[in-house]
Amino acid sequence: SLIDLLQSRMGLKLATSAEGDRTTSVGPRDVLDYIYAVTYSRTYRVRYEQFLRSDYPRIPFVSDPAMFWRLRDLGHQLVDLHTLRAAALDSGPAVAPTNGTNRIDKITVSKRWVESDDHGGGYLVLNLDGGADGGIQILPNVTREVWGFHIGGHPVLHKWLDARNSETLTYDEAIHLVRMVNAIQRTIEVQDEIEEWLSDWPLS
């Protein structure tokens, strides 16, 4: 039925390869990326919230091939971000924690993130006395939106840090944290782009 839908709505046949040629065919990976983009639409999640709580997501397919391929590309970006395979995740806005022990203190949620104009809108507090100067050690350039980002009802950064209370981050873990922050920041930006493309609901 999906193959028939793609053919009838956009005139695209299912390719034998993972990706189609964008003119006459569409591949399974293209469909996956499109679905990923639609389900990351904030409007979609609000509009169909009750349905999503009780059943599998129902995916609307557009009839405009240009819109399909643009959403596919945005979904592809999100998949790469969420598997931390996207380019430039090491280069900002978060770059590295300030010098210190890299220990994760048990800090209340209300004190874990601090608003600051000097640090890209805010920063994460890793510990209270493990900085190079004996003060706090932070991860700068973490916005309020990134700190509050949820997936499936779970606050991503809260849970990651809480799971490592009283532990010392390895070098690889510290880099992973930086890449997570940057991936979330870029996810928010991609979601904004998705909203621009999916401004009218229901889709047609």
N, C-alpha and C. Protein backbone atom coordinates (compact mmCIF):
# COMPACT_ATOMS: atom_id res chain seq x y z
N SER A 1 0.83 -1.21 0.00
CA SER A 1 0.00 0.00 0.00
C SER A 1 0.86 1.26 0.00
N LEU A 2 2.01 1.21 0.68
CA LEU A 2 2.90 2.36 0.69
C LEU A 2 3.47 2.61 -0.71
N ILE A 3 3.85 1.54 -1.38
CA ILE A 3 4.37 1.69 -2.75
C ILE A 3 3.32 2.31 -3.66
N ASP A 4 2.08 1.85 -3.52
CA ASP A 4 0.99 2.42 -4.31
C ASP A 4 0.77 3.89 -3.98
N LEU A 5 0.89 4.23 -2.68
CA LEU A 5 0.70 5.62 -2.26
C LEU A 5 1.76 6.52 -2.86
N LEU A 6 3.01 6.10 -2.81
CA LEU A 6 4.10 6.90 -3.38
C LEU A 6 3.91 7.10 -4.88
N GLN A 7 3.43 6.07 -5.53
CA GLN A 7 3.20 6.15 -6.97
C GLN A 7 2.04 7.08 -7.29
N SER A 8 0.96 6.96 -6.55
CA SER A 8 -0.24 7.75 -6.87
C SER A 8 -0.09 9.21 -6.47
N ARG A 9 0.59 9.50 -5.36
CA ARG A 9 0.68 10.88 -4.87
C ARG A 9 1.82 11.65 -5.52
N MET A 10 2.94 10.98 -5.80
CA MET A 10 4.10 11.71 -6.31
C MET A 10 4.66 11.12 -7.59
N GLY A 11 4.12 10.04 -8.06
CA GLY A 11 4.63 9.43 -9.28
C GLY A 11 5.99 8.81 -9.13
N LEU A 12 6.32 8.35 -7.91
CA LEU A 12 7.63 7.78 -7.64
C LEU A 12 7.52 6.28 -7.44
N LYS A 13 8.41 5.54 -8.07
CA LYS A 13 8.45 4.10 -7.90
C LYS A 13 9.48 3.76 -6.83
N LEU A 14 9.32 2.60 -6.21
CA LEU A 14 10.25 2.18 -5.17
C LEU A 14 11.53 1.66 -5.82
N ALA A 15 12.66 2.23 -5.43
CA ALA A 15 13.96 1.82 -5.97
C ALA A 15 14.43 0.52 -5.32
N THR A 16 15.27 -0.20 -6.02
CA THR A 16 15.85 -1.42 -5.46
C THR A 16 17.02 -1.09 -4.55
N SER A 17 17.58 0.12 -4.67
CA SER A 17 18.66 0.57 -3.81
C SER A 17 18.08 1.33 -2.62
N ALA A 18 18.95 1.68 -1.66
CA ALA A 18 18.48 2.37 -0.45
C ALA A 18 17.89 3.74 -0.75
N GLU A 19 18.43 4.41 -1.76
CA GLU A 19 17.98 5.75 -2.11
C GLU A 19 17.56 5.81 -3.57
N GLY A 20 16.54 6.62 -3.86
CA GLY A 20 16.06 6.76 -5.22
C GLY A 20 16.84 7.81 -5.98
N ASP A 21 16.43 8.02 -7.25
CA ASP A 21 17.14 8.99 -8.09
C ASP A 21 16.52 10.38 -8.00
N ARG A 22 15.49 10.55 -7.15
CA ARG A 22 14.83 11.83 -6.89
C ARG A 22 13.96 12.31 -8.05
N THR A 23 13.95 11.60 -9.14
CA THR A 23 13.13 12.00 -10.29
C THR A 23 12.01 11.00 -10.54
N THR A 24 12.37 9.74 -10.61
CA THR A 24 11.38 8.71 -10.90
C THR A 24 11.24 7.70 -9.77
N SER A 25 12.19 7.69 -8.83
CA SER A 25 12.16 6.64 -7.81
C SER A 25 12.51 7.18 -6.43
N VAL A 26 12.08 6.41 -5.42
CA VAL A 26 12.35 6.71 -4.03
C VAL A 26 12.78 5.42 -3.35
N GLY A 27 13.77 5.51 -2.47
CA GLY A 27 14.28 4.32 -1.81
C GLY A 27 13.79 4.20 -0.38
N PRO A 28 13.95 3.03 0.22
CA PRO A 28 13.53 2.83 1.62
C PRO A 28 14.18 3.83 2.59
N ARG A 29 15.45 4.14 2.37
CA ARG A 29 16.11 5.11 3.26
C ARG A 29 15.49 6.49 3.10
N ASP A 30 15.09 6.85 1.89
CA ASP A 30 14.42 8.13 1.67
C ASP A 30 13.13 8.21 2.47
N VAL A 31 12.37 7.11 2.45
CA VAL A 31 11.10 7.08 3.17
C VAL A 31 11.34 7.19 4.67
N LEU A 32 12.34 6.46 5.17
CA LEU A 32 12.68 6.54 6.59
C LEU A 32 13.04 7.97 6.99
N ASP A 33 13.87 8.64 6.20
CA ASP A 33 14.29 10.00 6.52
C ASP A 33 13.10 10.96 6.49
N TYR A 34 12.20 10.79 5.53
CA TYR A 34 11.00 11.62 5.46
C TYR A 34 10.16 11.42 6.73
N ILE A 35 9.95 10.18 7.13
CA ILE A 35 9.17 9.89 8.33
C ILE A 35 9.82 10.51 9.56
N TYR A 36 11.14 10.44 9.62
CA TYR A 36 11.87 11.00 10.75
C TYR A 36 11.64 12.51 10.84
N ALA A 37 11.64 13.18 9.70
CA ALA A 37 11.39 14.62 9.69
C ALA A 37 9.97 14.94 10.15
N VAL A 38 8.99 14.22 9.64
CA VAL A 38 7.60 14.49 10.00
C VAL A 38 7.39 14.29 11.50
N THR A 39 7.95 13.23 12.06
CA THR A 39 7.72 12.96 13.48
C THR A 39 8.51 13.92 14.37
N TYR A 40 9.44 14.67 13.81
CA TYR A 40 10.12 15.71 14.57
C TYR A 40 9.49 17.09 14.37
N SER A 41 8.39 17.15 13.65
CA SER A 41 7.64 18.39 13.55
C SER A 41 6.94 18.66 14.88
N ARG A 42 7.17 19.82 15.47
CA ARG A 42 6.53 20.16 16.74
C ARG A 42 5.02 20.21 16.57
N THR A 43 4.56 20.77 15.44
CA THR A 43 3.12 20.87 15.20
C THR A 43 2.50 19.49 15.09
N TYR A 44 3.16 18.57 14.40
CA TYR A 44 2.68 17.19 14.29
C TYR A 44 2.51 16.57 15.68
N ARG A 45 3.50 16.77 16.54
CA ARG A 45 3.46 16.15 17.86
C ARG A 45 2.34 16.73 18.72
N VAL A 46 2.09 18.02 18.59
CA VAL A 46 1.01 18.64 19.36
C VAL A 46 -0.34 18.26 18.78
N ARG A 47 -0.47 18.36 17.47
CA ARG A 47 -1.74 18.10 16.80
C ARG A 47 -2.24 16.67 17.03
N TYR A 48 -1.31 15.71 17.02
CA TYR A 48 -1.68 14.32 17.13
C TYR A 48 -1.24 13.70 18.46
N GLU A 49 -1.12 14.53 19.48
CA GLU A 49 -0.59 14.07 20.77
C GLU A 49 -1.38 12.89 21.33
N GLN A 50 -2.69 12.99 21.34
CA GLN A 50 -3.50 11.93 21.93
C GLN A 50 -3.36 10.62 21.16
N PHE A 51 -3.28 10.72 19.83
CA PHE A 51 -3.10 9.51 19.03
C PHE A 51 -1.74 8.88 19.30
N LEU A 52 -0.72 9.74 19.44
CA LEU A 52 0.63 9.23 19.64
C LEU A 52 0.79 8.55 21.00
N ARG A 53 -0.05 8.92 21.95
CA ARG A 53 0.02 8.31 23.28
C ARG A 53 -0.55 6.89 23.29
N SER A 54 -1.39 6.59 22.33
CA SER A 54 -2.12 5.32 22.39
C SER A 54 -1.86 4.39 21.22
N ASP A 55 -1.12 4.84 20.21
CA ASP A 55 -0.96 4.00 19.02
C ASP A 55 0.35 4.36 18.33
N TYR A 56 0.69 3.58 17.32
CA TYR A 56 1.85 3.91 16.49
C TYR A 56 1.57 5.19 15.72
N PRO A 57 2.60 5.96 15.40
CA PRO A 57 2.37 7.20 14.65
C PRO A 57 1.81 6.94 13.26
N ARG A 58 0.84 7.74 12.88
CA ARG A 58 0.31 7.70 11.52
C ARG A 58 1.05 8.77 10.72
N ILE A 59 1.58 8.39 9.58
CA ILE A 59 2.45 9.29 8.81
C ILE A 59 1.72 9.81 7.59
N PRO A 60 1.48 11.13 7.54
CA PRO A 60 0.88 11.71 6.32
C PRO A 60 1.97 11.90 5.26
N PHE A 61 1.62 11.63 4.01
CA PHE A 61 2.56 11.82 2.91
C PHE A 61 2.08 12.98 2.04
N VAL A 62 3.01 13.86 1.72
CA VAL A 62 2.68 15.02 0.88
C VAL A 62 2.57 14.57 -0.57
N SER A 63 1.95 15.42 -1.37
CA SER A 63 1.83 15.13 -2.80
C SER A 63 2.83 15.92 -3.64
N ASP A 64 3.51 16.87 -3.02
CA ASP A 64 4.50 17.71 -3.71
C ASP A 64 5.88 17.06 -3.61
N PRO A 65 6.44 16.57 -4.71
CA PRO A 65 7.75 15.92 -4.65
C PRO A 65 8.84 16.82 -4.07
N ALA A 66 8.81 18.12 -4.39
CA ALA A 66 9.84 19.02 -3.87
C ALA A 66 9.78 19.08 -2.34
N MET A 67 8.58 19.11 -1.78
CA MET A 67 8.44 19.12 -0.33
C MET A 67 8.90 17.80 0.26
N PHE A 68 8.54 16.70 -0.40
CA PHE A 68 8.98 15.38 0.09
C PHE A 68 10.50 15.32 0.19
N TRP A 69 11.19 15.74 -0.88
CA TRP A 69 12.64 15.61 -0.88
C TRP A 69 13.30 16.57 0.10
N ARG A 70 12.70 17.74 0.30
CA ARG A 70 13.28 18.67 1.28
C ARG A 70 13.14 18.10 2.69
N LEU A 71 11.96 17.53 2.99
CA LEU A 71 11.77 16.92 4.30
C LEU A 71 12.67 15.69 4.46
N ARG A 72 12.83 14.95 3.37
CA ARG A 72 13.74 13.80 3.41
C ARG A 72 15.14 14.25 3.79
N ASP A 73 15.61 15.34 3.20
CA ASP A 73 16.96 15.83 3.48
C ASP A 73 17.09 16.29 4.93
N LEU A 74 16.04 16.95 5.45
CA LEU A 74 16.06 17.39 6.84
C LEU A 74 16.03 16.19 7.79
N GLY A 75 15.24 15.19 7.45
CA GLY A 75 15.22 13.98 8.25
C GLY A 75 16.55 13.26 8.24
N HIS A 76 17.21 13.26 7.08
CA HIS A 76 18.53 12.64 6.95
C HIS A 76 19.52 13.34 7.88
N GLN A 77 19.44 14.67 7.92
CA GLN A 77 20.30 15.43 8.84
C GLN A 77 20.05 15.03 10.29
N LEU A 78 18.77 14.88 10.65
CA LEU A 78 18.44 14.52 12.03
C LEU A 78 18.97 13.14 12.40
N VAL A 79 18.84 12.19 11.48
CA VAL A 79 19.35 10.84 11.76
C VAL A 79 20.85 10.90 12.00
N ASP A 80 21.56 11.65 11.18
CA ASP A 80 23.01 11.77 11.36
C ASP A 80 23.36 12.48 12.67
N LEU A 81 22.54 13.46 13.05
CA LEU A 81 22.77 14.16 14.31
C LEU A 81 22.56 13.23 15.50
N HIS A 82 21.49 12.44 15.44
CA HIS A 82 21.13 11.63 16.60
C HIS A 82 21.98 10.37 16.72
N THR A 83 22.68 10.02 15.68
CA THR A 83 23.67 8.94 15.77
C THR A 83 25.09 9.51 15.90
N LEU A 84 25.16 10.84 16.06
CA LEU A 84 26.42 11.57 16.24
C LEU A 84 27.39 11.35 15.09
N ARG A 85 26.84 11.17 13.89
CA ARG A 85 27.69 11.01 12.70
C ARG A 85 27.78 12.29 11.88
N ALA A 86 27.04 13.32 12.27
CA ALA A 86 27.02 14.55 11.50
C ALA A 86 28.37 15.25 11.58
N ALA A 87 28.70 15.96 10.51
CA ALA A 87 29.95 16.71 10.48
C ALA A 87 29.87 17.92 11.41
N ALA A 88 31.00 18.37 11.88
CA ALA A 88 31.16 19.63 12.63
C ALA A 88 30.59 19.58 14.04
N LEU A 89 30.31 18.40 14.60
CA LEU A 89 29.80 18.36 15.97
C LEU A 89 30.88 18.70 17.00
N ASP A 90 32.14 18.67 16.57
CA ASP A 90 33.23 19.00 17.49
C ASP A 90 33.59 20.48 17.48
N SER A 91 32.93 21.25 16.60
CA SER A 91 33.40 22.62 16.40
C SER A 91 32.42 23.70 16.87
N GLY A 92 31.41 23.35 17.62
CA GLY A 92 30.61 24.41 18.20
C GLY A 92 29.11 24.25 18.04
N PRO A 93 28.38 25.04 18.85
CA PRO A 93 28.84 26.14 19.70
C PRO A 93 29.60 25.70 20.94
N ALA A 94 29.23 24.54 21.54
CA ALA A 94 30.02 24.03 22.66
C ALA A 94 31.30 23.41 22.10
N VAL A 95 32.42 23.66 22.74
CA VAL A 95 33.69 23.16 22.23
C VAL A 95 34.34 22.20 23.22
N ALA A 96 34.51 22.60 24.48
CA ALA A 96 35.13 21.72 25.48
C ALA A 96 34.84 22.29 26.86
N PRO A 97 34.82 21.44 27.88
CA PRO A 97 34.69 21.96 29.25
C PRO A 97 35.92 22.80 29.59
N THR A 98 35.72 23.72 30.53
CA THR A 98 36.87 24.45 31.04
C THR A 98 37.79 23.47 31.78
N ASN A 99 39.03 23.87 32.00
CA ASN A 99 40.00 22.98 32.63
C ASN A 99 39.56 22.58 34.04
N GLY A 100 39.77 21.31 34.35
CA GLY A 100 39.40 20.84 35.68
C GLY A 100 39.46 19.34 35.77
N THR A 101 38.81 18.81 36.78
CA THR A 101 38.90 17.39 37.08
C THR A 101 37.98 16.53 36.22
N ASN A 102 36.98 17.14 35.60
CA ASN A 102 35.97 16.42 34.80
C ASN A 102 35.08 15.52 35.67
N ARG A 103 35.08 15.76 36.98
CA ARG A 103 34.19 15.00 37.85
C ARG A 103 32.77 15.58 37.74
N ILE A 104 31.77 14.70 37.80
CA ILE A 104 30.39 15.14 37.76
C ILE A 104 29.83 15.15 39.18
N ASP A 105 29.59 16.33 39.71
CA ASP A 105 29.00 16.45 41.05
C ASP A 105 27.51 16.16 41.01
N LYS A 106 26.98 15.71 42.14
CA LYS A 106 25.54 15.57 42.29
C LYS A 106 24.99 16.97 42.61
N ILE A 107 24.38 17.58 41.62
CA ILE A 107 23.87 18.95 41.76
C ILE A 107 22.39 18.93 41.42
N THR A 108 21.61 19.70 42.14
CA THR A 108 20.18 19.77 41.84
C THR A 108 19.98 20.32 40.43
N VAL A 109 18.87 19.92 39.82
CA VAL A 109 18.59 20.35 38.45
C VAL A 109 18.59 21.87 38.34
N SER A 110 18.08 22.55 39.35
CA SER A 110 17.98 24.01 39.30
C SER A 110 19.33 24.70 39.32
N LYS A 111 20.39 23.99 39.73
CA LYS A 111 21.72 24.59 39.77
C LYS A 111 22.66 24.01 38.71
N ARG A 112 22.17 23.04 37.95
CA ARG A 112 23.03 22.39 36.96
C ARG A 112 23.26 23.28 35.74
N TRP A 113 22.20 24.05 35.37
CA TRP A 113 22.35 24.95 34.22
C TRP A 113 22.24 26.39 34.71
N VAL A 114 23.14 27.24 34.25
CA VAL A 114 23.18 28.63 34.69
C VAL A 114 23.08 29.55 33.48
N GLU A 115 22.19 30.53 33.56
CA GLU A 115 22.04 31.48 32.46
C GLU A 115 23.18 32.49 32.50
N SER A 116 23.75 32.77 31.33
CA SER A 116 24.89 33.68 31.28
C SER A 116 25.07 34.25 29.89
N ASP A 117 25.08 35.57 29.78
CA ASP A 117 25.32 36.21 28.49
C ASP A 117 26.76 36.01 28.02
N ASP A 118 27.65 35.74 28.96
CA ASP A 118 29.07 35.58 28.61
C ASP A 118 29.39 34.19 28.07
N HIS A 119 28.44 33.27 28.17
CA HIS A 119 28.72 31.89 27.75
C HIS A 119 27.61 31.37 26.85
N GLY A 120 27.35 32.09 25.76
CA GLY A 120 26.42 31.63 24.74
C GLY A 120 25.00 31.42 25.23
N GLY A 121 24.60 32.16 26.23
CA GLY A 121 23.24 32.04 26.76
C GLY A 121 23.17 31.22 28.03
N GLY A 122 24.21 30.43 28.31
CA GLY A 122 24.21 29.65 29.54
C GLY A 122 25.33 28.63 29.54
N TYR A 123 25.46 27.95 30.67
CA TYR A 123 26.49 26.90 30.75
C TYR A 123 26.04 25.81 31.72
N LEU A 124 26.61 24.61 31.52
CA LEU A 124 26.38 23.49 32.42
C LEU A 124 27.46 23.48 33.50
N VAL A 125 27.04 23.24 34.72
CA VAL A 125 27.99 23.10 35.83
C VAL A 125 28.33 21.62 35.99
N LEU A 126 29.59 21.28 35.79
CA LEU A 126 30.02 19.89 35.96
C LEU A 126 30.32 19.58 37.42
N ASN A 127 31.02 20.50 38.08
CA ASN A 127 31.32 20.31 39.50
C ASN A 127 31.50 21.67 40.15
N LEU A 128 31.49 21.66 41.49
CA LEU A 128 31.52 22.92 42.24
C LEU A 128 32.90 23.32 42.70
N ASP A 129 33.83 22.37 42.72
CA ASP A 129 35.17 22.72 43.22
C ASP A 129 36.27 21.97 42.49
N GLY A 130 36.00 21.54 41.25
CA GLY A 130 37.00 20.77 40.52
C GLY A 130 37.60 21.51 39.35
N GLY A 131 37.38 22.83 39.31
CA GLY A 131 37.96 23.62 38.24
C GLY A 131 39.45 23.81 38.43
N ALA A 132 40.10 24.27 37.40
CA ALA A 132 41.56 24.44 37.45
C ALA A 132 41.97 25.44 38.53
N ASP A 133 41.10 26.40 38.85
CA ASP A 133 41.42 27.41 39.86
C ASP A 133 40.77 27.09 41.20
N GLY A 134 40.25 25.88 41.33
CA GLY A 134 39.59 25.50 42.57
C GLY A 134 38.12 25.84 42.61
N GLY A 135 37.65 26.56 41.58
CA GLY A 135 36.24 26.92 41.51
C GLY A 135 35.46 25.90 40.71
N ILE A 136 34.36 26.35 40.14
CA ILE A 136 33.51 25.42 39.38
C ILE A 136 34.13 25.11 38.02
N GLN A 137 33.81 23.94 37.52
CA GLN A 137 34.17 23.56 36.15
C GLN A 137 32.88 23.53 35.34
N ILE A 138 32.91 24.13 34.15
CA ILE A 138 31.68 24.26 33.37
C ILE A 138 31.88 23.80 31.93
N LEU A 139 30.75 23.53 31.28
CA LEU A 139 30.72 23.39 29.83
C LEU A 139 30.00 24.61 29.31
N PRO A 140 30.70 25.57 28.67
CA PRO A 140 30.07 26.80 28.23
C PRO A 140 29.26 26.63 26.95
N ASN A 141 28.50 27.67 26.63
CA ASN A 141 27.74 27.77 25.39
C ASN A 141 26.65 26.70 25.28
N VAL A 142 25.86 26.59 26.33
CA VAL A 142 24.70 25.69 26.36
C VAL A 142 23.46 26.53 26.59
N THR A 143 22.60 26.62 25.59
CA THR A 143 21.42 27.48 25.71
C THR A 143 20.34 26.82 26.58
N ARG A 144 19.38 27.64 26.99
CA ARG A 144 18.25 27.13 27.77
C ARG A 144 17.48 26.05 26.99
N GLU A 145 17.33 26.28 25.67
CA GLU A 145 16.58 25.33 24.83
C GLU A 145 17.29 23.99 24.77
N VAL A 146 18.61 24.02 24.66
CA VAL A 146 19.38 22.77 24.62
C VAL A 146 19.28 22.04 25.96
N TRP A 147 19.42 22.78 27.05
CA TRP A 147 19.35 22.17 28.38
C TRP A 147 17.97 21.55 28.63
N GLY A 148 16.92 22.17 28.12
CA GLY A 148 15.57 21.67 28.35
C GLY A 148 15.07 20.70 27.31
N PHE A 149 15.92 20.30 26.36
CA PHE A 149 15.48 19.45 25.26
C PHE A 149 15.09 18.06 25.74
N HIS A 150 13.90 17.61 25.30
CA HIS A 150 13.39 16.29 25.67
C HIS A 150 13.25 15.40 24.44
N ILE A 151 13.45 14.12 24.62
CA ILE A 151 13.09 13.11 23.61
C ILE A 151 12.28 12.04 24.32
N GLY A 152 11.08 11.80 23.83
CA GLY A 152 10.22 10.80 24.45
C GLY A 152 9.92 11.09 25.91
N GLY A 153 9.84 12.38 26.27
CA GLY A 153 9.56 12.75 27.64
C GLY A 153 10.78 12.77 28.55
N HIS A 154 11.94 12.42 28.02
CA HIS A 154 13.16 12.35 28.84
C HIS A 154 14.06 13.56 28.57
N PRO A 155 14.46 14.29 29.61
CA PRO A 155 15.41 15.40 29.43
C PRO A 155 16.80 14.84 29.14
N VAL A 156 17.26 15.01 27.94
CA VAL A 156 18.45 14.30 27.47
C VAL A 156 19.68 14.59 28.32
N LEU A 157 20.03 15.85 28.47
CA LEU A 157 21.25 16.18 29.20
C LEU A 157 21.11 15.90 30.69
N HIS A 158 19.93 16.17 31.27
CA HIS A 158 19.71 15.87 32.69
C HIS A 158 20.06 14.41 32.96
N LYS A 159 19.46 13.51 32.16
CA LYS A 159 19.60 12.09 32.43
C LYS A 159 21.04 11.61 32.21
N TRP A 160 21.69 12.15 31.19
CA TRP A 160 23.05 11.73 30.90
C TRP A 160 23.98 12.10 32.05
N LEU A 161 23.84 13.32 32.56
CA LEU A 161 24.69 13.77 33.66
C LEU A 161 24.32 13.07 34.98
N ASP A 162 23.03 12.91 35.23
CA ASP A 162 22.61 12.25 36.47
C ASP A 162 23.10 10.80 36.53
N ALA A 163 23.17 10.15 35.38
CA ALA A 163 23.65 8.77 35.35
C ALA A 163 25.14 8.68 35.68
N ARG A 164 25.83 9.81 35.71
CA ARG A 164 27.28 9.82 35.95
C ARG A 164 27.64 10.60 37.21
N ASN A 165 26.68 10.75 38.10
CA ASN A 165 26.95 11.45 39.36
C ASN A 165 28.14 10.83 40.08
N SER A 166 29.03 11.70 40.54
CA SER A 166 30.21 11.32 41.32
C SER A 166 31.25 10.56 40.51
N GLU A 167 31.07 10.48 39.20
CA GLU A 167 32.06 9.83 38.36
C GLU A 167 32.93 10.89 37.67
N THR A 168 34.09 10.48 37.23
CA THR A 168 34.99 11.36 36.48
C THR A 168 34.91 10.99 35.01
N LEU A 169 34.58 11.96 34.18
CA LEU A 169 34.45 11.71 32.75
C LEU A 169 35.81 11.39 32.15
N THR A 170 35.84 10.38 31.30
CA THR A 170 37.03 10.13 30.50
C THR A 170 37.10 11.20 29.40
N TYR A 171 38.22 11.23 28.72
CA TYR A 171 38.35 12.16 27.60
C TYR A 171 37.26 11.91 26.57
N ASP A 172 37.03 10.65 26.23
CA ASP A 172 36.01 10.32 25.24
C ASP A 172 34.61 10.71 25.71
N GLU A 173 34.32 10.54 26.99
CA GLU A 173 33.01 10.94 27.52
C GLU A 173 32.83 12.44 27.48
N ALA A 174 33.89 13.19 27.77
CA ALA A 174 33.80 14.65 27.71
C ALA A 174 33.54 15.11 26.27
N ILE A 175 34.20 14.48 25.31
CA ILE A 175 33.95 14.80 23.91
C ILE A 175 32.53 14.41 23.52
N HIS A 176 32.06 13.27 24.02
CA HIS A 176 30.69 12.83 23.73
C HIS A 176 29.68 13.85 24.24
N LEU A 177 29.91 14.39 25.43
CA LEU A 177 29.01 15.41 25.98
C LEU A 177 28.97 16.64 25.09
N VAL A 178 30.14 17.09 24.64
CA VAL A 178 30.20 18.24 23.75
C VAL A 178 29.42 17.96 22.46
N ARG A 179 29.61 16.80 21.89
CA ARG A 179 28.94 16.45 20.64
C ARG A 179 27.42 16.34 20.84
N MET A 180 27.00 15.84 22.00
CA MET A 180 25.58 15.79 22.30
C MET A 180 24.96 17.19 22.33
N VAL A 181 25.63 18.10 23.02
CA VAL A 181 25.13 19.48 23.11
C VAL A 181 25.00 20.09 21.73
N ASN A 182 26.02 19.92 20.91
CA ASN A 182 25.99 20.49 19.57
C ASN A 182 24.94 19.81 18.69
N ALA A 183 24.75 18.51 18.87
CA ALA A 183 23.73 17.80 18.11
C ALA A 183 22.33 18.29 18.48
N ILE A 184 22.10 18.53 19.77
CA ILE A 184 20.80 19.03 20.20
C ILE A 184 20.56 20.44 19.66
N GLN A 185 21.59 21.28 19.71
CA GLN A 185 21.44 22.63 19.17
C GLN A 185 21.07 22.61 17.70
N ARG A 186 21.74 21.77 16.95
CA ARG A 186 21.45 21.68 15.52
C ARG A 186 20.08 21.04 15.29
N THR A 187 19.68 20.09 16.15
CA THR A 187 18.35 19.49 16.04
C THR A 187 17.27 20.55 16.15
N ILE A 188 17.41 21.45 17.10
CA ILE A 188 16.44 22.53 17.29
C ILE A 188 16.35 23.39 16.04
N GLU A 189 17.50 23.67 15.44
CA GLU A 189 17.52 24.48 14.21
C GLU A 189 16.85 23.75 13.06
N VAL A 190 17.11 22.44 12.94
CA VAL A 190 16.47 21.66 11.87
C VAL A 190 14.96 21.59 12.10
N GLN A 191 14.54 21.45 13.35
CA GLN A 191 13.11 21.44 13.65
C GLN A 191 12.45 22.74 13.22
N ASP A 192 13.15 23.85 13.38
CA ASP A 192 12.62 25.14 12.92
C ASP A 192 12.41 25.11 11.40
N GLU A 193 13.37 24.53 10.68
CA GLU A 193 13.23 24.42 9.23
C GLU A 193 12.07 23.52 8.84
N ILE A 194 11.90 22.43 9.57
CA ILE A 194 10.78 21.53 9.29
C ILE A 194 9.45 22.26 9.48
N GLU A 195 9.36 23.07 10.51
CA GLU A 195 8.12 23.82 10.77
C GLU A 195 7.80 24.78 9.62
N GLU A 196 8.83 25.33 9.01
CA GLU A 196 8.61 26.23 7.88
C GLU A 196 8.00 25.48 6.70
N TRP A 197 8.43 24.24 6.50
CA TRP A 197 7.93 23.45 5.38
C TRP A 197 6.58 22.83 5.68
N LEU A 198 6.33 22.55 6.96
CA LEU A 198 5.05 21.94 7.33
C LEU A 198 4.19 22.94 8.10
N SER A 199 3.97 24.07 7.45
CA SER A 199 3.21 25.14 8.11
C SER A 199 1.71 24.94 8.03
N ASP A 200 1.24 24.15 7.06
CA ASP A 200 -0.20 23.94 6.89
C ASP A 200 -0.57 22.50 7.20
N TRP A 201 -1.49 22.32 8.13
CA TRP A 201 -2.00 21.00 8.48
C TRP A 201 -3.51 20.97 8.31
N PRO A 202 -4.08 19.85 7.92
CA PRO A 202 -3.41 18.60 7.56
C PRO A 202 -2.66 18.70 6.24
N LEU A 203 -1.70 17.83 6.05
CA LEU A 203 -0.89 17.85 4.84
C LEU A 203 -1.69 17.38 3.64
N SER A 204 -1.31 17.89 2.48
CA SER A 204 -2.00 17.45 1.25
C SER A 204 -0.97 17.25 0.14
